[in-house]
Structures are given as structure tokens and as C-alpha cells.
N, C-alpha and C. Protein backbone atom coordinates (compact mmCIF):
# COMPACT_ATOMS: atom_id res chain seq x y z
N UNK A 1 93.39 82.97 116.98
CA UNK A 1 94.33 83.90 116.37
C UNK A 1 95.12 83.22 115.26
N UNK A 2 95.34 81.92 115.40
CA UNK A 2 96.09 81.19 114.38
C UNK A 2 95.34 81.18 113.06
N UNK A 3 94.03 80.98 113.10
CA UNK A 3 93.23 80.99 111.88
C UNK A 3 93.30 82.35 111.19
N UNK A 4 93.32 83.40 111.96
CA UNK A 4 93.38 84.75 111.40
C UNK A 4 94.71 84.98 110.68
N UNK A 5 95.81 84.63 111.34
CA UNK A 5 97.13 84.88 110.76
C UNK A 5 97.37 84.02 109.53
N UNK A 6 97.07 82.72 109.63
CA UNK A 6 97.29 81.85 108.47
C UNK A 6 96.34 82.20 107.32
N UNK A 7 95.14 82.63 107.66
CA UNK A 7 94.21 83.07 106.62
C UNK A 7 94.71 84.30 105.88
N UNK A 8 95.24 85.26 106.64
CA UNK A 8 95.78 86.46 106.00
C UNK A 8 96.98 86.15 105.13
N UNK A 9 97.84 85.24 105.58
CA UNK A 9 99.00 84.85 104.77
C UNK A 9 98.54 84.18 103.48
N UNK A 10 97.55 83.31 103.59
CA UNK A 10 97.02 82.63 102.41
C UNK A 10 96.36 83.59 101.43
N UNK A 11 95.56 84.50 101.95
CA UNK A 11 94.89 85.48 101.09
C UNK A 11 95.91 86.40 100.43
N UNK A 12 96.94 86.80 101.16
CA UNK A 12 97.98 87.64 100.58
C UNK A 12 98.72 86.90 99.46
N UNK A 13 98.98 85.61 99.67
CA UNK A 13 99.65 84.82 98.62
C UNK A 13 98.81 84.70 97.37
N UNK A 14 97.53 84.42 97.55
CA UNK A 14 96.63 84.30 96.39
C UNK A 14 96.50 85.64 95.68
N UNK A 15 96.37 86.72 96.43
CA UNK A 15 96.25 88.05 95.81
C UNK A 15 97.52 88.42 95.05
N UNK A 16 98.66 88.08 95.60
CA UNK A 16 99.93 88.35 94.92
C UNK A 16 100.02 87.57 93.62
N UNK A 17 99.70 86.28 93.68
CA UNK A 17 99.75 85.44 92.48
C UNK A 17 98.78 85.95 91.41
N UNK A 18 97.53 86.22 91.81
CA UNK A 18 96.55 86.69 90.84
C UNK A 18 96.89 88.08 90.32
N UNK A 19 97.45 88.91 91.17
CA UNK A 19 97.86 90.24 90.72
C UNK A 19 98.92 90.19 89.65
N UNK A 20 99.93 89.33 89.86
CA UNK A 20 100.98 89.18 88.85
C UNK A 20 100.41 88.59 87.56
N UNK A 21 99.55 87.58 87.71
CA UNK A 21 98.95 86.95 86.53
C UNK A 21 98.09 87.95 85.75
N UNK A 22 97.29 88.73 86.47
CA UNK A 22 96.43 89.69 85.80
C UNK A 22 97.22 90.86 85.19
N UNK A 23 98.40 91.11 85.73
CA UNK A 23 99.24 92.16 85.17
C UNK A 23 99.72 91.77 83.77
N UNK A 24 100.00 90.47 83.59
CA UNK A 24 100.49 89.99 82.29
C UNK A 24 99.36 89.64 81.34
N UNK A 25 98.26 89.12 81.85
CA UNK A 25 97.12 88.74 81.01
C UNK A 25 96.02 89.76 81.26
N UNK A 26 95.91 90.71 80.37
CA UNK A 26 94.97 91.82 80.59
C UNK A 26 93.66 91.58 79.84
N UNK A 27 92.97 90.51 80.21
CA UNK A 27 91.67 90.20 79.62
C UNK A 27 90.59 90.63 80.62
N UNK A 28 89.67 91.43 80.16
CA UNK A 28 88.64 92.00 81.04
C UNK A 28 87.78 90.91 81.70
N UNK A 29 87.34 89.86 80.98
CA UNK A 29 86.54 88.83 81.66
C UNK A 29 87.32 88.12 82.77
N UNK A 30 88.61 87.88 82.55
CA UNK A 30 89.44 87.25 83.58
C UNK A 30 89.58 88.16 84.80
N UNK A 31 89.73 89.43 84.58
CA UNK A 31 89.85 90.38 85.69
C UNK A 31 88.56 90.40 86.51
N UNK A 32 87.42 90.43 85.83
CA UNK A 32 86.13 90.44 86.53
C UNK A 32 85.95 89.16 87.35
N UNK A 33 86.28 88.03 86.77
CA UNK A 33 86.14 86.76 87.47
C UNK A 33 87.05 86.72 88.70
N UNK A 34 88.30 87.14 88.54
CA UNK A 34 89.24 87.11 89.66
C UNK A 34 88.82 88.06 90.78
N UNK A 35 88.31 89.22 90.44
CA UNK A 35 87.85 90.16 91.47
C UNK A 35 86.66 89.59 92.23
N UNK A 36 85.72 88.99 91.50
CA UNK A 36 84.56 88.39 92.17
C UNK A 36 84.97 87.22 93.06
N UNK A 37 85.87 86.39 92.58
CA UNK A 37 86.32 85.24 93.38
C UNK A 37 87.06 85.71 94.62
N UNK A 38 87.88 86.75 94.51
CA UNK A 38 88.60 87.26 95.68
C UNK A 38 87.62 87.89 96.67
N UNK A 39 86.57 88.53 96.18
CA UNK A 39 85.56 89.08 97.08
C UNK A 39 84.86 87.96 97.84
N UNK A 40 84.54 86.87 97.15
CA UNK A 40 83.93 85.72 97.83
C UNK A 40 84.88 85.08 98.83
N UNK A 41 86.17 85.03 98.48
CA UNK A 41 87.17 84.46 99.39
C UNK A 41 87.26 85.28 100.68
N UNK A 42 87.30 86.58 100.55
CA UNK A 42 87.40 87.44 101.73
C UNK A 42 86.12 87.38 102.56
N UNK A 43 84.97 87.32 101.89
CA UNK A 43 83.70 87.20 102.61
C UNK A 43 83.64 85.87 103.38
N UNK A 44 84.06 84.79 102.75
CA UNK A 44 84.06 83.49 103.41
C UNK A 44 85.04 83.46 104.58
N UNK A 45 86.20 84.10 104.41
CA UNK A 45 87.17 84.18 105.50
C UNK A 45 86.58 84.94 106.69
N UNK A 46 85.90 86.03 106.42
CA UNK A 46 85.25 86.81 107.48
C UNK A 46 84.18 85.98 108.19
N UNK A 47 83.36 85.28 107.41
CA UNK A 47 82.30 84.45 108.00
C UNK A 47 82.88 83.32 108.83
N UNK A 48 83.95 82.69 108.37
CA UNK A 48 84.53 81.58 109.12
C UNK A 48 85.17 82.07 110.42
N UNK A 49 85.78 83.23 110.41
CA UNK A 49 86.34 83.77 111.65
C UNK A 49 85.23 84.14 112.63
N UNK A 50 84.17 84.71 112.11
CA UNK A 50 83.06 85.11 112.96
C UNK A 50 82.35 83.91 113.58
N UNK A 51 82.16 82.86 112.79
CA UNK A 51 81.47 81.66 113.29
C UNK A 51 82.36 80.86 114.23
N UNK A 52 83.65 80.87 113.98
CA UNK A 52 84.59 80.08 114.77
C UNK A 52 85.02 80.80 116.03
N UNK A 53 84.72 82.03 116.17
CA UNK A 53 85.16 82.78 117.34
C UNK A 53 86.63 83.08 117.32
N UNK A 54 87.25 83.02 116.15
CA UNK A 54 88.66 83.30 115.95
C UNK A 54 89.55 82.37 116.76
N UNK A 55 89.09 81.15 116.98
CA UNK A 55 89.91 80.15 117.66
C UNK A 55 89.96 80.30 119.17
N UNK A 56 89.20 81.21 119.74
CA UNK A 56 89.26 81.45 121.17
C UNK A 56 88.42 80.44 121.97
N UNK A 57 87.53 79.70 121.29
CA UNK A 57 86.64 78.80 122.01
C UNK A 57 87.15 77.46 122.08
């Protein structure tokens, strides 16, 4: 459960930072790159929780 909570806090922090940055810098290639990177981050977080058993093992 600890990995889940800390992961969500980290992802929320990164999303907040990138959201503010993308709000000020409205370049389409940067937006595409950030969206793809965030999708990979969330996918990796899901995979790590699934493989780790969410810390229960």
C-alpha cells in the first residue's frame, strides 16, 4: 500500500508541474512529448504495482 500512495503522490506532483509548465509554454511538440511520457509513467506505475503485489508480499 505504501508504494501505491507514494506513487500517486509522485505522479500528482509531476502532473502538476508539467501542467503548469505546459500552460505557460504552449508548444505542440512539447505537449505531445509530455503526454506520451506521462502515459508511459502511468503504465510503468501500473506494471510495477502489479508485479510487486502492491507491497503485500
